[in-house]
Protein backbone atom coordinates (compact mmCIF):
# COMPACT_ATOMS: atom_id res chain seq x y z
CA MET A 1 15.43 -15.12 25.12
CA ASP A 2 15.61 -18.92 26.24
CA LYS A 3 15.60 -21.21 22.73
CA GLN A 4 13.58 -23.68 24.85
CA ALA A 5 10.89 -21.93 25.91
CA PHE A 6 10.76 -20.06 22.34
CA LYS A 7 10.56 -23.09 20.76
CA GLU A 8 7.68 -24.80 23.00
CA ASN A 9 6.39 -22.13 22.65
CA LEU A 10 5.55 -22.17 19.38
CA LYS A 11 4.99 -25.81 19.90
CA LEU A 12 7.89 -27.12 17.36
CA ASP A 13 9.96 -30.08 18.09
CA VAL A 14 12.87 -28.29 16.00
CA LEU A 15 13.42 -24.76 15.66
CA PRO A 16 14.10 -23.96 11.99
CA ASP A 17 18.03 -23.02 11.25
CA VAL A 18 16.66 -19.22 10.28
CA LEU A 19 15.14 -18.66 13.88
CA ASP A 20 17.56 -20.61 16.10
CA LYS A 21 20.35 -17.60 14.04
CA LEU A 22 18.71 -15.28 14.62
CA ILE A 23 17.87 -15.73 18.52
CA ASP A 24 21.63 -15.80 18.41
CA PHE A 25 22.20 -13.02 17.07
CA GLN A 26 18.41 -11.09 19.42
CA ASN A 27 20.63 -12.15 22.96
CA ASP A 28 24.88 -12.15 21.67
CA VAL A 29 25.03 -9.58 18.87
CA SER A 30 22.40 -6.54 19.33
CA GLY A 31 19.17 -6.92 21.10
CA PHE A 32 15.24 -6.12 21.52
CA GLU A 33 14.81 -3.73 18.60
CA TYR A 34 18.13 -2.37 18.83
CA TYR A 35 18.43 -4.15 14.70
CA ALA A 36 15.39 -2.79 13.49
CA GLN A 37 12.76 -0.20 14.34
CA GLY A 38 9.79 -1.97 16.05
CA PHE A 39 11.99 -5.45 15.43
CA GLY A 40 12.33 -8.50 18.63
CA LEU A 41 12.15 -12.37 18.85
CA THR A 42 8.93 -12.75 21.84
CA ILE A 43 7.71 -16.02 23.25
CA ASP A 44 3.73 -14.97 22.75
CA ASP A 45 0.48 -16.64 25.07
CA LYS A 46 -1.25 -15.74 22.14
CA LEU A 47 -3.71 -13.28 24.40
CA GLY A 48 -3.28 -10.60 21.03
CA LEU A 49 -4.45 -13.91 18.76
CA LYS A 50 -7.52 -14.61 21.39
CA SER A 51 -9.17 -10.84 20.33
CA TRP A 52 -9.67 -11.92 16.96
CA SER A 53 -10.53 -15.46 18.09
CA GLY A 54 -10.86 -18.11 21.15
CA GLU A 55 -11.27 -21.09 18.23
CA SER A 56 -8.28 -23.65 18.93
CA ASP A 57 -8.17 -24.26 15.08
CA PHE A 58 -7.16 -20.84 14.94
CA LEU A 59 -4.65 -20.01 17.54
CA ASN A 60 -3.11 -23.77 16.08
CA GLN A 61 -2.55 -22.50 12.55
CA LEU A 62 -0.96 -19.10 14.09
CA LEU A 63 2.48 -19.16 15.57
CA PRO A 64 2.69 -15.06 16.94
CA PHE A 65 6.76 -15.40 16.90
CA ALA A 66 7.49 -11.02 16.89
CA GLN A 67 7.07 -8.15 18.04
CA ALA A 68 6.09 -6.13 14.50
CA ASN A 69 6.00 -2.50 15.69
CA GLY A 70 5.96 -0.39 19.19
CA SER A 71 1.92 0.11 19.56
CA GLY A 72 1.45 -4.10 19.56
CA SER A 73 1.09 -5.41 16.35
CA PHE A 74 2.64 -8.46 15.94
CA TYR A 75 3.56 -11.19 13.10
CA ALA A 76 3.09 -14.88 13.23
CA ILE A 77 3.34 -18.09 11.07
CA TRP A 78 0.35 -18.66 9.22
CA ASN A 79 0.57 -22.88 9.73
CA ASN A 80 -1.38 -23.41 6.66
CA GLU A 81 0.84 -26.67 5.86
CA PRO A 82 1.49 -28.66 8.70
CA THR A 83 3.00 -31.29 5.60
CA GLN A 84 5.93 -28.07 4.29
CA PRO A 85 8.77 -26.96 7.14
CA ILE A 86 8.01 -24.13 8.70
CA ASP A 87 10.50 -21.96 7.48
CA ASN A 88 8.60 -21.79 3.69
CA ILE A 89 5.40 -20.88 5.18
CA PRO A 90 4.01 -17.36 5.36
CA ILE A 91 3.87 -14.30 7.39
CA VAL A 92 0.96 -12.56 8.58
CA VAL A 93 0.75 -9.34 10.40
CA PHE A 94 -1.75 -8.23 12.73
CA GLY A 95 -2.08 -4.76 13.06
CA ASP A 96 -2.86 -3.66 16.99
CA GLU A 97 -5.85 -1.53 15.20
CA GLY A 98 -7.01 -4.07 13.11
CA GLY A 99 -5.77 -5.31 10.13
CA THR A 100 -4.89 -8.53 9.24
CA HIS A 101 -2.64 -9.43 6.09
CA VAL A 102 0.27 -11.80 4.72
CA VAL A 103 2.88 -9.54 4.59
CA ALA A 104 5.81 -12.15 3.43
CA GLU A 105 6.32 -15.68 1.70
CA ASN A 106 8.28 -16.51 4.75
CA ILE A 107 10.65 -16.33 7.73
CA LEU A 108 13.39 -14.98 6.20
CA GLN A 109 12.18 -12.77 3.49
CA LEU A 110 10.16 -10.60 6.75
CA LEU A 111 14.25 -10.61 7.96
CA GLN A 112 15.16 -9.40 4.43
CA LEU A 113 11.61 -7.13 5.35
CA ILE A 114 12.82 -5.56 8.40
CA ALA A 115 15.94 -4.57 7.23
CA TYR A 116 14.79 -1.43 6.15
CA ASP A 117 14.90 -0.79 9.15
CA THR A 118 11.24 1.11 9.73
CA GLU A 119 8.24 0.20 12.00
CA ILE A 120 5.69 -1.65 9.93
CA SER A 121 1.92 0.12 9.49
CA VAL A 122 -0.53 -1.97 9.94
CA ASP A 123 -4.46 -1.00 8.94
CA TRP A 124 -7.92 -2.56 7.50
CA SER A 125 -7.07 -1.95 4.37
CA SER A 126 -2.83 -2.89 3.73
CA ALA A 127 0.06 -3.54 5.83
CA TYR A 128 2.86 -1.66 4.34
CA PHE A 129 6.80 0.08 5.86
CA TYR A 130 6.90 3.78 5.60
CA LYS A 131 10.53 5.95 5.87
CA ASP A 132 10.86 9.15 5.58
CA GLU A 133 14.33 9.67 5.25
CA GLU A 134 14.40 13.78 6.24
CA ASP A 135 13.08 11.99 9.27
CA TYR A 136 14.85 9.08 9.84
CA ASN A 137 17.75 7.38 11.98
CA ALA A 138 18.97 4.40 11.93
CA SER A 139 18.72 1.46 14.01
CA GLU A 140 21.68 1.48 16.27
CA ASP A 141 22.54 -2.36 15.54
CA LEU A 142 21.21 -2.13 11.62
CA GLN A 143 24.60 -3.02 10.08
CA LYS A 144 25.39 -5.60 11.75
CA TYR A 145 22.37 -7.49 10.89
CA ILE A 146 22.67 -6.39 7.09
CA GLN A 147 26.45 -8.19 7.37
CA TRP A 148 24.34 -11.11 9.86
CA LEU A 149 21.92 -11.52 6.88
CA LYS A 150 24.86 -11.97 3.87
CA VAL A 151 27.04 -13.51 6.15
CA ASN A 152 23.99 -16.57 7.36
CA PHE A 153 21.69 -16.10 4.16
CA ASN A 154 23.95 -14.69 1.29
CA VAL A 155 20.68 -11.92 1.32
CA SER A 156 20.33 -8.16 1.18
CA PRO A 157 18.04 -5.66 2.39
CA LEU A 158 14.56 -5.45 0.44
CA GLN A 159 15.08 -1.93 -1.18
CA ASP A 160 11.36 -1.72 -1.93
CA PRO A 161 8.69 -3.82 0.81
CA THR A 162 6.18 -2.78 -1.32
CA VAL A 163 7.04 -5.40 -4.17
CA ALA A 164 7.62 -7.86 -1.68
CA ILE A 165 4.26 -7.94 -0.11
CA GLN A 166 2.57 -7.46 -2.80
CA SER A 167 4.67 -11.31 -3.93
CA ALA A 168 3.34 -12.22 -0.71
CA GLN A 169 -0.63 -10.77 -1.27
CA ASP A 170 -0.64 -12.55 -4.82
CA LYS A 171 -0.13 -16.12 -3.57
CA TYR A 172 -0.90 -16.58 0.16
CA LYS A 173 -4.08 -13.67 0.18
CA ALA A 174 -7.24 -14.84 -1.10
CA SER A 175 -6.07 -18.02 0.78
CA PHE A 176 -5.68 -16.82 4.18
CA ASP A 177 -8.91 -14.57 3.40
CA GLU A 178 -10.94 -17.40 2.97
CA TRP A 179 -9.48 -19.26 6.17
CA PHE A 180 -9.48 -16.52 8.33
CA LYS A 181 -13.24 -15.52 7.87
CA GLN A 182 -14.21 -18.67 8.80
CA TYR A 183 -12.61 -17.05 12.85
CA TYR A 184 -13.52 -13.26 12.44
CA SER A 185 -15.57 -10.66 9.84
CA VAL A 186 -15.31 -7.18 9.86
CA GLU A 187 -18.74 -6.69 8.69
C-alpha cells in the first residue's frame, strides 16, 4: 500500500497516526486479510459508495478506506464534523447485501473491533461480529496484530464487539440516519 496514494485518495493533507502506522503494519509485518479476517486497508475509487448515491455532498463526506469482509462490504469514515480530527469521527460499514450502520466511534475503536478476528456481518437491520468457537481458526498474524495494538496504542482487542457497536450506535445512529436519508431511502 502506497501511503501517498492512500492519503491522496482520502483527500487528506496528513494521515492520522493510527492509519499511518496501520499501513506500515500491513506493508511490513503482515498483509491484507492476514491479521484480521476479511479486513484490509484499500485505496477506493468510491464506486461502491456511488451505488448508494452519486451526489457530491454524499461522496465528499464519506471516506472509504478498508474492506470489511470478503464479500464486498467496506468501512468508511463519516466526515460529519470537518473541523474534528479525522481519527476522532465515526466509522460506518456499508453492506454488500444492503444496510449501512455506524460501527465504531473512531478508527482506533474499529481496529480493536477487528481484533475479534471474524468478518463483520451486515444486513439491513444490523451489523455484528459472530464467532463460532468450534469452527474458528485465528488469522495467521492475529497475535502480531494484537501485540502491535498494545505497543502502539496501549489498547487490547474488544472481548464483546456488541458493546462497542451499541455505544457507537447510541452516539451517532440517529444523526447518521437523518443525514443518510437525504441521499438514500429504503422504501
